PDB file of N, CA and C in Angstrom:
ATOM      1  N   MET A   1       0.836  -1.182   0.000  1.00  0.00           N
ATOM      2  CA  MET A   1       0.000   0.000   0.000  1.00  0.00           C
ATOM      3  C   MET A   1       0.883   1.249   0.000  1.00  0.00           C
ATOM      4  N   THR A   2       0.519   2.180  -0.853  1.00  0.00           N
ATOM      5  CA  THR A   2       1.227   3.448  -0.957  1.00  0.00           C
ATOM      6  C   THR A   2       0.234   4.569  -0.723  1.00  0.00           C
ATOM      7  N   VAL A   3       0.671   5.605  -0.029  1.00  0.00           N
ATOM      8  CA  VAL A   3      -0.213   6.724   0.286  1.00  0.00           C
ATOM      9  C   VAL A   3       0.295   7.996  -0.382  1.00  0.00           C
ATOM     10  N   ILE A   4      -0.580   8.608  -1.164  1.00  0.00           N
ATOM     11  CA  ILE A   4      -0.345   9.956  -1.678  1.00  0.00           C
ATOM     12  C   ILE A   4      -1.137  10.868  -0.755  1.00  0.00           C
ATOM     13  N   ASN A   5      -0.471  11.820  -0.129  1.00  0.00           N
ATOM     14  CA  ASN A   5      -1.121  12.676   0.861  1.00  0.00           C
ATOM     15  C   ASN A   5      -1.383  14.060   0.264  1.00  0.00           C
ATOM     16  N   GLY A   6      -2.656  14.327  -0.012  1.00  0.00           N
ATOM     17  CA  GLY A   6      -3.040  15.605  -0.599  1.00  0.00           C
ATOM     18  C   GLY A   6      -2.752  16.813   0.275  1.00  0.00           C
ATOM     19  N   ASP A   7      -2.512  16.595   1.569  1.00  0.00           N
ATOM     20  CA  ASP A   7      -2.138  17.706   2.451  1.00  0.00           C
ATOM     21  C   ASP A   7      -0.697  18.152   2.227  1.00  0.00           C
ATOM     22  N   ARG A   8       0.086  17.360   1.523  1.00  0.00           N
ATOM     23  CA  ARG A   8       1.498  17.693   1.308  1.00  0.00           C
ATOM     24  C   ARG A   8       1.745  18.518   0.047  1.00  0.00           C
ATOM     25  N   PHE A   9       0.687  18.800  -0.733  1.00  0.00           N
ATOM     26  CA  PHE A   9       0.875  19.591  -1.957  1.00  0.00           C
ATOM     27  C   PHE A   9      -0.406  20.355  -2.279  1.00  0.00           C
ATOM     28  N   SER A  10      -0.249  21.380  -3.100  1.00  0.00           N
ATOM     29  CA  SER A  10      -1.416  22.174  -3.482  1.00  0.00           C
ATOM     30  C   SER A  10      -1.399  22.531  -4.974  1.00  0.00           C
ATOM     31  N   ASP A  11      -0.442  21.978  -5.708  1.00  0.00           N
ATOM     32  CA  ASP A  11      -0.389  22.222  -7.152  1.00  0.00           C
ATOM     33  C   ASP A  11       0.227  21.011  -7.852  1.00  0.00           C
ATOM     34  N   LEU A  12       0.290  21.054  -9.172  1.00  0.00           N
ATOM     35  CA  LEU A  12       0.757  19.905  -9.938  1.00  0.00           C
ATOM     36  C   LEU A  12       2.227  19.587  -9.642  1.00  0.00           C
ATOM     37  N   GLN A  13       3.058  20.612  -9.517  1.00  0.00           N
ATOM     38  CA  GLN A  13       4.471  20.368  -9.204  1.00  0.00           C
ATOM     39  C   GLN A  13       4.606  19.703  -7.842  1.00  0.00           C
ATOM     40  N   GLY A  14       3.791  20.124  -6.905  1.00  0.00           N
ATOM     41  CA  GLY A  14       3.793  19.493  -5.592  1.00  0.00           C
ATOM     42  C   GLY A  14       3.338  18.039  -5.660  1.00  0.00           C
ATOM     43  N   PHE A  15       2.339  17.769  -6.506  1.00  0.00           N
ATOM     44  CA  PHE A  15       1.891  16.390  -6.710  1.00  0.00           C
ATOM     45  C   PHE A  15       3.049  15.553  -7.249  1.00  0.00           C
ATOM     46  N   TYR A  16       3.748  16.080  -8.246  1.00  0.00           N
ATOM     47  CA  TYR A  16       4.895  15.355  -8.804  1.00  0.00           C
ATOM     48  C   TYR A  16       5.948  15.082  -7.727  1.00  0.00           C
ATOM     49  N   GLY A  17       6.180  16.052  -6.860  1.00  0.00           N
ATOM     50  CA  GLY A  17       7.121  15.860  -5.759  1.00  0.00           C
ATOM     51  C   GLY A  17       6.668  14.767  -4.806  1.00  0.00           C
ATOM     52  N   GLU A  18       5.383  14.771  -4.492  1.00  0.00           N
ATOM     53  CA  GLU A  18       4.835  13.765  -3.582  1.00  0.00           C
ATOM     54  C   GLU A  18       4.941  12.364  -4.190  1.00  0.00           C
ATOM     55  N   VAL A  19       4.536  12.198  -5.454  1.00  0.00           N
ATOM     56  CA  VAL A  19       4.597  10.850  -6.039  1.00  0.00           C
ATOM     57  C   VAL A  19       6.040  10.418  -6.272  1.00  0.00           C
ATOM     58  N   SER A  20       6.908  11.359  -6.553  1.00  0.00           N
ATOM     59  CA  SER A  20       8.336  11.015  -6.671  1.00  0.00           C
ATOM     60  C   SER A  20       8.835  10.482  -5.334  1.00  0.00           C
ATOM     61  N   HIS A  21       8.420  11.142  -4.258  1.00  0.00           N
ATOM     62  CA  HIS A  21       8.848  10.739  -2.915  1.00  0.00           C
ATOM     63  C   HIS A  21       8.308   9.358  -2.539  1.00  0.00           C
ATOM     64  N   VAL A  22       7.029   9.106  -2.804  1.00  0.00           N
ATOM     65  CA  VAL A  22       6.434   7.854  -2.337  1.00  0.00           C
ATOM     66  C   VAL A  22       6.597   6.686  -3.309  1.00  0.00           C
ATOM     67  N   LEU A  23       6.755   6.965  -4.597  1.00  0.00           N
ATOM     68  CA  LEU A  23       6.850   5.877  -5.571  1.00  0.00           C
ATOM     69  C   LEU A  23       8.259   5.658  -6.123  1.00  0.00           C
ATOM     70  N   MET A  24       9.146   6.627  -5.911  1.00  0.00           N
ATOM     71  CA  MET A  24      10.460   6.553  -6.554  1.00  0.00           C
ATOM     72  C   MET A  24      11.598   6.850  -5.589  1.00  0.00           C
ATOM     73  N   ARG A  25      11.497   6.367  -4.386  1.00  0.00           N
ATOM     74  CA  ARG A  25      12.500   6.683  -3.359  1.00  0.00           C
ATOM     75  C   ARG A  25      13.930   6.364  -3.794  1.00  0.00           C
ATOM     76  N   ASP A  26      14.100   5.287  -4.521  1.00  0.00           N
ATOM     77  CA  ASP A  26      15.452   4.839  -4.873  1.00  0.00           C
ATOM     78  C   ASP A  26      15.906   5.312  -6.245  1.00  0.00           C
ATOM     79  N   GLU A  27      15.151   6.180  -6.871  1.00  0.00           N
ATOM     80  CA  GLU A  27      15.502   6.663  -8.209  1.00  0.00           C
ATOM     81  C   GLU A  27      16.280   7.971  -8.110  1.00  0.00           C
ATOM     82  N   ASP A  28      17.063   8.250  -9.145  1.00  0.00           N
ATOM     83  CA  ASP A  28      17.832   9.496  -9.150  1.00  0.00           C
ATOM     84  C   ASP A  28      17.199  10.551 -10.056  1.00  0.00           C
ATOM     85  N   TRP A  29      15.955  10.329 -10.444  1.00  0.00           N
ATOM     86  CA  TRP A  29      15.215  11.333 -11.210  1.00  0.00           C
ATOM     87  C   TRP A  29      13.829  11.476 -10.593  1.00  0.00           C
ATOM     88  N   LYS A  30      13.169  12.543 -10.930  1.00  0.00           N
ATOM     89  CA  LYS A  30      11.852  12.831 -10.352  1.00  0.00           C
ATOM     90  C   LYS A  30      10.819  12.991 -11.464  1.00  0.00           C
ATOM     91  N   VAL A  31       9.579  12.681 -11.148  1.00  0.00           N
ATOM     92  CA  VAL A  31       8.478  12.874 -12.083  1.00  0.00           C
ATOM     93  C   VAL A  31       8.278  14.368 -12.303  1.00  0.00           C
ATOM     94  N   GLY A  32       8.055  14.754 -13.560  1.00  0.00           N
ATOM     95  CA  GLY A  32       7.835  16.164 -13.848  1.00  0.00           C
ATOM     96  C   GLY A  32       6.806  16.418 -14.938  1.00  0.00           C
ATOM     97  N   THR A  33       6.187  15.336 -15.442  1.00  0.00           N
ATOM     98  CA  THR A  33       5.175  15.474 -16.488  1.00  0.00           C
ATOM     99  C   THR A  33       4.079  14.427 -16.276  1.00  0.00           C
ATOM    100  N   LEU A  34       2.958  14.645 -16.918  1.00  0.00           N
ATOM    101  CA  LEU A  34       1.875  13.661 -16.867  1.00  0.00           C
ATOM    102  C   LEU A  34       2.327  12.347 -17.489  1.00  0.00           C
ATOM    103  N   ASP A  35       3.051  12.417 -18.604  1.00  0.00           N
ATOM    104  CA  ASP A  35       3.568  11.197 -19.246  1.00  0.00           C
ATOM    105  C   ASP A  35       4.543  10.470 -18.336  1.00  0.00           C
ATOM    106  N   GLY A  36       5.382  11.222 -17.646  1.00  0.00           N
ATOM    107  CA  GLY A  36       6.331  10.613 -16.711  1.00  0.00           C
ATOM    108  C   GLY A  36       5.618   9.916 -15.570  1.00  0.00           C
ATOM    109  N   PHE A  37       4.557  10.536 -15.077  1.00  0.00           N
ATOM    110  CA  PHE A  37       3.758   9.918 -14.024  1.00  0.00           C
ATOM    111  C   PHE A  37       3.163   8.608 -14.522  1.00  0.00           C
ATOM    112  N   ASP A  38       2.594   8.639 -15.712  1.00  0.00           N
ATOM    113  CA  ASP A  38       2.027   7.426 -16.306  1.00  0.00           C
ATOM    114  C   ASP A  38       3.097   6.339 -16.427  1.00  0.00           C
ATOM    115  N   ASP A  39       4.275   6.726 -16.876  1.00  0.00           N
ATOM    116  CA  ASP A  39       5.369   5.759 -17.080  1.00  0.00           C
ATOM    117  C   ASP A  39       5.767   5.044 -15.797  1.00  0.00           C
ATOM    118  N   ILE A  40       5.883   5.778 -14.684  1.00  0.00           N
ATOM    119  CA  ILE A  40       6.340   5.124 -13.457  1.00  0.00           C
ATOM    120  C   ILE A  40       5.305   4.145 -12.916  1.00  0.00           C
ATOM    121  N   LEU A  41       4.054   4.336 -13.274  1.00  0.00           N
ATOM    122  CA  LEU A  41       3.012   3.447 -12.758  1.00  0.00           C
ATOM    123  C   LEU A  41       3.079   2.052 -13.365  1.00  0.00           C
ATOM    124  N   TYR A  42       3.756   1.899 -14.489  1.00  0.00           N
ATOM    125  CA  TYR A  42       3.917   0.563 -15.072  1.00  0.00           C
ATOM    126  C   TYR A  42       4.750  -0.339 -14.164  1.00  0.00           C
ATOM    127  N   ARG A  43       5.565   0.273 -13.320  1.00  0.00           N
ATOM    128  CA  ARG A  43       6.438  -0.492 -12.418  1.00  0.00           C
ATOM    129  C   ARG A  43       5.808  -0.726 -11.058  1.00  0.00           C
ATOM    130  N   PHE A  44       4.636  -0.182 -10.865  1.00  0.00           N
ATOM    131  CA  PHE A  44       3.992  -0.261  -9.550  1.00  0.00           C
ATOM    132  C   PHE A  44       2.855  -1.272  -9.589  1.00  0.00           C
ATOM    133  N   GLU A  45       2.713  -2.001  -8.502  1.00  0.00           N
ATOM    134  CA  GLU A  45       1.588  -2.917  -8.382  1.00  0.00           C
ATOM    135  C   GLU A  45       1.063  -2.839  -6.963  1.00  0.00           C
ATOM    136  N   GLY A  46      -0.245  -2.729  -6.832  1.00  0.00           N
ATOM    137  CA  GLY A  46      -0.839  -2.707  -5.501  1.00  0.00           C
ATOM    138  C   GLY A  46      -1.829  -1.579  -5.338  1.00  0.00           C
ATOM    139  N   GLU A  47      -2.003  -1.178  -4.093  1.00  0.00           N
ATOM    140  CA  GLU A  47      -3.014  -0.191  -3.745  1.00  0.00           C
ATOM    141  C   GLU A  47      -2.366   1.172  -3.525  1.00  0.00           C
ATOM    142  N   ILE A  48      -2.989   2.179  -4.119  1.00  0.00           N
ATOM    143  CA  ILE A  48      -2.604   3.566  -3.860  1.00  0.00           C
ATOM    144  C   ILE A  48      -3.781   4.231  -3.169  1.00  0.00           C
ATOM    145  N   ILE A  49      -3.531   4.749  -1.986  1.00  0.00           N
ATOM    146  CA  ILE A  49      -4.551   5.501  -1.259  1.00  0.00           C
ATOM    147  C   ILE A  49      -4.217   6.982  -1.401  1.00  0.00           C
ATOM    148  N   TRP A  50      -5.156   7.739  -1.945  1.00  0.00           N
ATOM    149  CA  TRP A  50      -4.974   9.186  -2.095  1.00  0.00           C
ATOM    150  C   TRP A  50      -5.728   9.840  -0.951  1.00  0.00           C
ATOM    151  N   LYS A  51      -4.975  10.165   0.117  1.00  0.00           N
ATOM    152  CA  LYS A  51      -5.578  10.821   1.282  1.00  0.00           C
ATOM    153  C   LYS A  51      -5.828  12.296   0.969  1.00  0.00           C
ATOM    154  N   HIS A  52      -6.877  12.828   1.544  1.00  0.00           N
ATOM    155  CA  HIS A  52      -7.266  14.222   1.330  1.00  0.00           C
ATOM    156  C   HIS A  52      -7.494  14.496  -0.161  1.00  0.00           C
ATOM    157  N   ALA A  53      -8.121  13.516  -0.807  1.00  0.00           N
ATOM    158  CA  ALA A  53      -8.386  13.608  -2.244  1.00  0.00           C
ATOM    159  C   ALA A  53      -9.303  14.784  -2.573  1.00  0.00           C
ATOM    160  N   GLN A  54     -10.232  15.107  -1.686  1.00  0.00           N
ATOM    161  CA  GLN A  54     -11.141  16.229  -1.944  1.00  0.00           C
ATOM    162  C   GLN A  54     -10.367  17.546  -2.011  1.00  0.00           C
ATOM    163  N   LYS A  55      -9.385  17.710  -1.146  1.00  0.00           N
ATOM    164  CA  LYS A  55      -8.525  18.902  -1.190  1.00  0.00           C
ATOM    165  C   LYS A  55      -7.791  18.947  -2.530  1.00  0.00           C
ATOM    166  N   SER A  56      -7.257  17.803  -2.950  1.00  0.00           N
ATOM    167  CA  SER A  56      -6.538  17.739  -4.228  1.00  0.00           C
ATOM    168  C   SER A  56      -7.469  18.030  -5.398  1.00  0.00           C
ATOM    169  N   LYS A  57      -8.707  17.565  -5.290  1.00  0.00           N
ATOM    170  CA  LYS A  57      -9.687  17.823  -6.351  1.00  0.00           C
ATOM    171  C   LYS A  57      -9.889  19.326  -6.529  1.00  0.00           C
ATOM    172  N   GLU A  58      -9.899  20.040  -5.421  1.00  0.00           N
ATOM    173  CA  GLU A  58     -10.035  21.498  -5.474  1.00  0.00           C
ATOM    174  C   GLU A  58      -8.730  22.154  -5.945  1.00  0.00           C
ATOM    175  N   ASP A  59      -7.603  21.705  -5.385  1.00  0.00           N
ATOM    176  CA  ASP A  59      -6.300  22.283  -5.742  1.00  0.00           C
ATOM    177  C   ASP A  59      -5.957  22.079  -7.213  1.00  0.00           C
ATOM    178  N   LEU A  60      -6.349  20.950  -7.754  1.00  0.00           N
ATOM    179  CA  LEU A  60      -6.011  20.591  -9.139  1.00  0.00           C
ATOM    180  C   LEU A  60      -7.257  20.655 -10.026  1.00  0.00           C
ATOM    181  N   GLY A  61      -8.132  21.581  -9.682  1.00  0.00           N
ATOM    182  CA  GLY A  61      -9.396  21.737 -10.384  1.00  0.00           C
ATOM    183  C   GLY A  61      -9.317  22.702 -11.556  1.00  0.00           C
ATOM    184  N   PHE A  62     -10.410  23.405 -11.772  1.00  0.00           N
ATOM    185  CA  PHE A  62     -10.564  24.257 -12.956  1.00  0.00           C
ATOM    186  C   PHE A  62      -9.449  25.285 -13.098  1.00  0.00           C
ATOM    187  N   GLU A  63      -9.208  26.090 -12.051  1.00  0.00           N
ATOM    188  CA  GLU A  63      -8.216  27.172 -12.157  1.00  0.00           C
ATOM    189  C   GLU A  63      -6.804  26.641 -12.434  1.00  0.00           C
ATOM    190  N   ALA A  64      -6.422  25.600 -11.704  1.00  0.00           N
ATOM    191  CA  ALA A  64      -5.083  25.023 -11.906  1.00  0.00           C
ATOM    192  C   ALA A  64      -4.949  24.463 -13.319  1.00  0.00           C
ATOM    193  N   THR A  65      -6.009  23.849 -13.805  1.00  0.00           N
ATOM    194  CA  THR A  65      -5.977  23.259 -15.150  1.00  0.00           C
ATOM    195  C   THR A  65      -5.938  24.350 -16.205  1.00  0.00           C
ATOM    196  N   LYS A  66      -6.713  25.379 -16.018  1.00  0.00           N
ATOM    197  CA  LYS A  66      -6.717  26.529 -16.937  1.00  0.00           C
ATOM    198  C   LYS A  66      -5.309  27.127 -17.019  1.00  0.00           C
ATOM    199  N   ASN A  67      -4.680  27.334 -15.869  1.00  0.00           N
ATOM    200  CA  ASN A  67      -3.316  27.863 -15.841  1.00  0.00           C
ATOM    201  C   ASN A  67      -2.329  26.917 -16.525  1.00  0.00           C
ATOM    202  N   PHE A  68      -2.513  25.618 -16.319  1.00  0.00           N
ATOM    203  CA  PHE A  68      -1.656  24.591 -16.926  1.00  0.00           C
ATOM    204  C   PHE A  68      -1.661  24.724 -18.446  1.00  0.00           C
ATOM    205  N   TYR A  69      -2.842  24.800 -19.040  1.00  0.00           N
ATOM    206  CA  TYR A  69      -2.937  24.905 -20.499  1.00  0.00           C
ATOM    207  C   TYR A  69      -2.490  26.274 -21.001  1.00  0.00           C
ATOM    208  N   GLU A  70      -2.822  27.326 -20.278  1.00  0.00           N
ATOM    209  CA  GLU A  70      -2.382  28.669 -20.685  1.00  0.00           C
ATOM    210  C   GLU A  70      -0.858  28.767 -20.688  1.00  0.00           C
ATOM    211  N   ASN A  71      -0.209  28.147 -19.705  1.00  0.00           N
ATOM    212  CA  ASN A  71       1.260  28.144 -19.662  1.00  0.00           C
ATOM    213  C   ASN A  71       1.850  27.393 -20.842  1.00  0.00           C
ATOM    214  N   LYS A  72       1.253  26.259 -21.206  1.00  0.00           N
ATOM    215  CA  LYS A  72       1.727  25.498 -22.361  1.00  0.00           C
ATOM    216  C   LYS A  72       1.609  26.336 -23.635  1.00  0.00           C
ATOM    217  N   ILE A  73       0.481  27.012 -23.787  1.00  0.00           N
ATOM    218  CA  ILE A  73       0.260  27.853 -24.968  1.00  0.00           C
ATOM    219  C   ILE A  73       1.273  28.992 -24.992  1.00  0.00           C
ATOM    220  N   ARG A  74       1.500  29.609 -23.841  1.00  0.00           N
ATOM    221  CA  ARG A  74       2.446  30.717 -23.731  1.00  0.00           C
ATOM    222  C   ARG A  74       3.874  30.267 -24.041  1.00  0.00           C
ATOM    223  N   GLN A  75       4.251  29.087 -23.563  1.00  0.00           N
ATOM    224  CA  GLN A  75       5.615  28.577 -23.775  1.00  0.00           C
ATOM    225  C   GLN A  75       5.849  28.138 -25.212  1.00  0.00           C
ATOM    226  N   GLY A  76       4.807  27.660 -25.864  1.00  0.00           N
ATOM    227  CA  GLY A  76       4.976  27.202 -27.242  1.00  0.00           C
ATOM    228  C   GLY A  76       5.750  25.908 -27.308  1.00  0.00           C
ATOM    229  N   LYS A  77       6.632  25.806 -28.286  1.00  0.00           N
ATOM    230  CA  LYS A  77       7.383  24.563 -28.477  1.00  0.00           C
ATOM    231  C   LYS A  77       8.160  24.207 -27.229  1.00  0.00           C
ATOM    232  N   PRO A  78       8.239  22.928 -26.881  1.00  0.00           N
ATOM    233  CA  PRO A  78       7.887  21.730 -27.639  1.00  0.00           C
ATOM    234  C   PRO A  78       6.430  21.320 -27.502  1.00  0.00           C
ATOM    235  N   PHE A  79       5.616  22.130 -26.838  1.00  0.00           N
ATOM    236  CA  PHE A  79       4.231  21.751 -26.601  1.00  0.00           C
ATOM    237  C   PHE A  79       3.397  21.915 -27.864  1.00  0.00           C
ATOM    238  N   ASN A  80       2.394  21.076 -27.990  1.00  0.00           N
ATOM    239  CA  ASN A  80       1.439  21.155 -29.079  1.00  0.00           C
ATOM    240  C   ASN A  80       0.430  22.232 -28.706  1.00  0.00           C
ATOM    241  N   ILE A  81       0.642  23.419 -29.226  1.00  0.00           N
ATOM    242  CA  ILE A  81      -0.178  24.580 -28.861  1.00  0.00           C
ATOM    243  C   ILE A  81      -1.634  24.372 -29.267  1.00  0.00           C
ATOM    244  N   ASN A  82      -1.856  23.796 -30.446  1.00  0.00           N
ATOM    245  CA  ASN A  82      -3.232  23.575 -30.905  1.00  0.00           C
ATOM    246  C   ASN A  82      -3.975  22.627 -29.971  1.00  0.00           C
ATOM    247  N   LEU A  83      -3.302  21.562 -29.543  1.00  0.00           N
ATOM    248  CA  LEU A  83      -3.930  20.603 -28.629  1.00  0.00           C
ATOM    249  C   LEU A  83      -4.214  21.264 -27.282  1.00  0.00           C
ATOM    250  N   ALA A  84      -3.246  22.040 -26.791  1.00  0.00           N
ATOM    251  CA  ALA A  84      -3.436  22.731 -25.516  1.00  0.00           C
ATOM    252  C   ALA A  84      -4.618  23.699 -25.606  1.00  0.00           C
ATOM    253  N   GLN A  85      -4.736  24.408 -26.726  1.00  0.00           N
ATOM    254  CA  GLN A  85      -5.852  25.341 -26.911  1.00  0.00           C
ATOM    255  C   GLN A  85      -7.184  24.588 -26.968  1.00  0.00           C
ATOM    256  N   GLU A  86      -7.174  23.451 -27.643  1.00  0.00           N
ATOM    257  CA  GLU A  86      -8.370  22.609 -27.733  1.00  0.00           C
ATOM    258  C   GLU A  86      -8.805  22.142 -26.340  1.00  0.00           C
ATOM    259  N   LYS A  87      -7.830  21.676 -25.545  1.00  0.00           N
ATOM    260  CA  LYS A  87      -8.121  21.207 -24.186  1.00  0.00           C
ATOM    261  C   LYS A  87      -8.620  22.362 -23.309  1.00  0.00           C
ATOM    262  N   LEU A  88      -8.011  23.539 -23.470  1.00  0.00           N
ATOM    263  CA  LEU A  88      -8.423  24.718 -22.710  1.00  0.00           C
ATOM    264  C   LEU A  88      -9.855  25.107 -23.076  1.00  0.00           C
ATOM    265  N   ASP A  89     -10.156  25.105 -24.362  1.00  0.00           N
ATOM    266  CA  ASP A  89     -11.512  25.446 -24.817  1.00  0.00           C
ATOM    267  C   ASP A  89     -12.534  24.465 -24.244  1.00  0.00           C
ATOM    268  N   GLU A  90     -12.204  23.172 -24.277  1.00  0.00           N
ATOM    269  CA  GLU A  90     -13.101  22.149 -23.733  1.00  0.00           C
ATOM    270  C   GLU A  90     -13.344  22.388 -22.240  1.00  0.00           C
ATOM    271  N   LEU A  91     -12.266  22.712 -21.524  1.00  0.00           N
ATOM    272  CA  LEU A  91     -12.374  22.964 -20.091  1.00  0.00           C
ATOM    273  C   LEU A  91     -13.315  24.144 -19.828  1.00  0.00           C
ATOM    274  N   ILE A  92     -13.103  25.240 -20.547  1.00  0.00           N
ATOM    275  CA  ILE A  92     -13.901  26.450 -20.350  1.00  0.00           C
ATOM    276  C   ILE A  92     -15.368  26.194 -20.696  1.00  0.00           C
ATOM    277  N   GLU A  93     -15.597  25.357 -21.703  1.00  0.00           N
ATOM    278  CA  GLU A  93     -16.970  25.025 -22.111  1.00  0.00           C
ATOM    279  C   GLU A  93     -17.640  24.044 -21.142  1.00  0.00           C
ATOM    280  N   GLY A  94     -16.868  23.535 -20.180  1.00  0.00           N
ATOM    281  CA  GLY A  94     -17.423  22.614 -19.204  1.00  0.00           C
ATOM    282  C   GLY A  94     -17.348  21.156 -19.615  1.00  0.00           C
ATOM    283  N   ASN A  95     -16.634  20.870 -20.697  1.00  0.00           N
ATOM    284  CA  ASN A  95     -16.529  19.498 -21.200  1.00  0.00           C
ATOM    285  C   ASN A  95     -15.162  18.862 -20.973  1.00  0.00           C
ATOM    286  N   GLY A  96     -14.199  19.639 -20.530  1.00  0.00           N
ATOM    287  CA  GLY A  96     -12.836  19.132 -20.388  1.00  0.00           C
ATOM    288  C   GLY A  96     -12.557  18.580 -19.007  1.00  0.00           C
ATOM    289  N   GLN A  97     -11.463  17.819 -18.919  1.00  0.00           N
ATOM    290  CA  GLN A  97     -11.044  17.239 -17.645  1.00  0.00           C
ATOM    291  C   GLN A  97     -10.141  18.206 -16.892  1.00  0.00           C
ATOM    292  N   THR A  98     -10.263  18.181 -15.581  1.00  0.00           N
ATOM    293  CA  THR A  98      -9.328  18.923 -14.745  1.00  0.00           C
ATOM    294  C   THR A  98      -8.065  18.077 -14.574  1.00  0.00           C
ATOM    295  N   LEU A  99      -7.013  18.679 -14.068  1.00  0.00           N
ATOM    296  CA  LEU A  99      -5.787  17.929 -13.792  1.00  0.00           C
ATOM    297  C   LEU A  99      -6.067  16.769 -12.848  1.00  0.00           C
ATOM    298  N   TYR A 100      -6.885  17.012 -11.846  1.00  0.00           N
ATOM    299  CA  TYR A 100      -7.247  15.959 -10.898  1.00  0.00           C
ATOM    300  C   TYR A 100      -7.877  14.782 -11.639  1.00  0.00           C
ATOM    301  N   GLU A 101      -8.817  15.073 -12.505  1.00  0.00           N
ATOM    302  CA  GLU A 101      -9.486  14.011 -13.266  1.00  0.00           C
ATOM    303  C   GLU A 101      -8.516  13.283 -14.200  1.00  0.00           C
ATOM    304  N   ILE A 102      -7.595  14.024 -14.775  1.00  0.00           N
ATOM    305  CA  ILE A 102      -6.580  13.412 -15.644  1.00  0.00           C
ATOM    306  C   ILE A 102      -5.707  12.452 -14.834  1.00  0.00           C
ATOM    307  N   LEU A 103      -5.277  12.889 -13.658  1.00  0.00           N
ATOM    308  CA  LEU A 103      -4.438  12.037 -12.806  1.00  0.00           C
ATOM    309  C   LEU A 103      -5.179  10.773 -12.380  1.00  0.00           C
ATOM    310  N   ILE A 104      -6.446  10.922 -12.024  1.00  0.00           N
ATOM    311  CA  ILE A 104      -7.265   9.760 -11.648  1.00  0.00           C
ATOM    312  C   ILE A 104      -7.353   8.799 -12.836  1.00  0.00           C
ATOM    313  N   GLU A 105      -7.635   9.347 -14.010  1.00  0.00           N
ATOM    314  CA  GLU A 105      -7.752   8.516 -15.212  1.00  0.00           C
ATOM    315  C   GLU A 105      -6.452   7.763 -15.506  1.00  0.00           C
ATOM    316  N   ILE A 106      -5.329   8.432 -15.335  1.00  0.00           N
ATOM    317  CA  ILE A 106      -4.029   7.784 -15.546  1.00  0.00           C
ATOM    318  C   ILE A 106      -3.882   6.602 -14.590  1.00  0.00           C
ATOM    319  N   MET A 107      -4.159   6.823 -13.319  1.00  0.00           N
ATOM    320  CA  MET A 107      -4.007   5.737 -12.342  1.00  0.00           C
ATOM    321  C   MET A 107      -4.987   4.602 -12.616  1.00  0.00           C
ATOM    322  N   GLU A 108      -6.216   4.935 -12.943  1.00  0.00           N
ATOM    323  CA  GLU A 108      -7.222   3.897 -13.184  1.00  0.00           C
ATOM    324  C   GLU A 108      -6.963   3.120 -14.468  1.00  0.00           C
ATOM    325  N   SER A 109      -6.157   3.675 -15.363  1.00  0.00           N
ATOM    326  CA  SER A 109      -5.844   2.967 -16.611  1.00  0.00           C
ATOM    327  C   SER A 109      -4.853   1.822 -16.385  1.00  0.00           C
ATOM    328  N   HIS A 110      -4.232   1.814 -15.211  1.00  0.00           N
ATOM    329  CA  HIS A 110      -3.263   0.754 -14.873  1.00  0.00           C
ATOM    330  C   HIS A 110      -3.990  -0.327 -14.085  1.00  0.00           C
ATOM    331  N   LYS A 111      -4.164  -1.465 -14.718  1.00  0.00           N
ATOM    332  CA  LYS A 111      -4.936  -2.554 -14.119  1.00  0.00           C
ATOM    333  C   LYS A 111      -4.215  -3.170 -12.913  1.00  0.00           C
ATOM    334  N   ASN A 112      -2.932  -2.891 -12.779  1.00  0.00           N
ATOM    335  CA  ASN A 112      -2.143  -3.419 -11.665  1.00  0.00           C
ATOM    336  C   ASN A 112      -2.268  -2.553 -10.404  1.00  0.00           C
ATOM    337  N   ILE A 113      -3.094  -1.501 -10.489  1.00  0.00           N
ATOM    338  CA  ILE A 113      -3.248  -0.557  -9.384  1.00  0.00           C
ATOM    339  C   ILE A 113      -4.702  -0.505  -8.930  1.00  0.00           C
ATOM    340  N   THR A 114      -4.888  -0.529  -7.632  1.00  0.00           N
ATOM    341  CA  THR A 114      -6.194  -0.252  -7.042  1.00  0.00           C
ATOM    342  C   THR A 114      -6.111   1.116  -6.395  1.00  0.00           C
ATOM    343  N   LEU A 115      -6.926   2.047  -6.878  1.00  0.00           N
ATOM    344  CA  LEU A 115      -6.914   3.409  -6.354  1.00  0.00           C
ATOM    345  C   LEU A 115      -8.050   3.576  -5.356  1.00  0.00           C
ATOM    346  N   VAL A 116      -7.698   4.117  -4.181  1.00  0.00           N
ATOM    347  CA  VAL A 116      -8.680   4.407  -3.141  1.00  0.00           C
ATOM    348  C   VAL A 116      -8.593   5.901  -2.848  1.00  0.00           C
ATOM    349  N   LEU A 117      -9.711   6.603  -3.044  1.00  0.00           N
ATOM    350  CA  LEU A 117      -9.762   8.034  -2.736  1.00  0.00           C
ATOM    351  C   LEU A 117     -10.303   8.183  -1.330  1.00  0.00           C
ATOM    352  N   ASP A 118      -9.541   8.877  -0.489  1.00  0.00           N
ATOM    353  CA  ASP A 118      -9.882   8.999   0.928  1.00  0.00           C
ATOM    354  C   ASP A 118     -10.030  10.464   1.300  1.00  0.00           C
TER     355      ASP A 118
END
């Protein structure tokens, strides 16, 4: 069993720090992207308990996600600006996923993981 503690972070970078700490203690690199997070989960098997998930849902909700896509658009390459704009538009229209929802979807896509939101 592994615990991700939502009280230990309030933004996406903090989430990456937390999962790096709890899932990659013996590694010499840290998670820094959604793809990187997805990649490390292939090596994990078992239960992940996300404590204070409701706080994380708020912290990684609409505003954080809006800022995430706006930053990608502002930075430009290597990011796919058109895709980021599409995702931002979907979010604003009420049809897009928040960062929290994206992270949940990533974890749930790994059949070797049981996710418990606490």
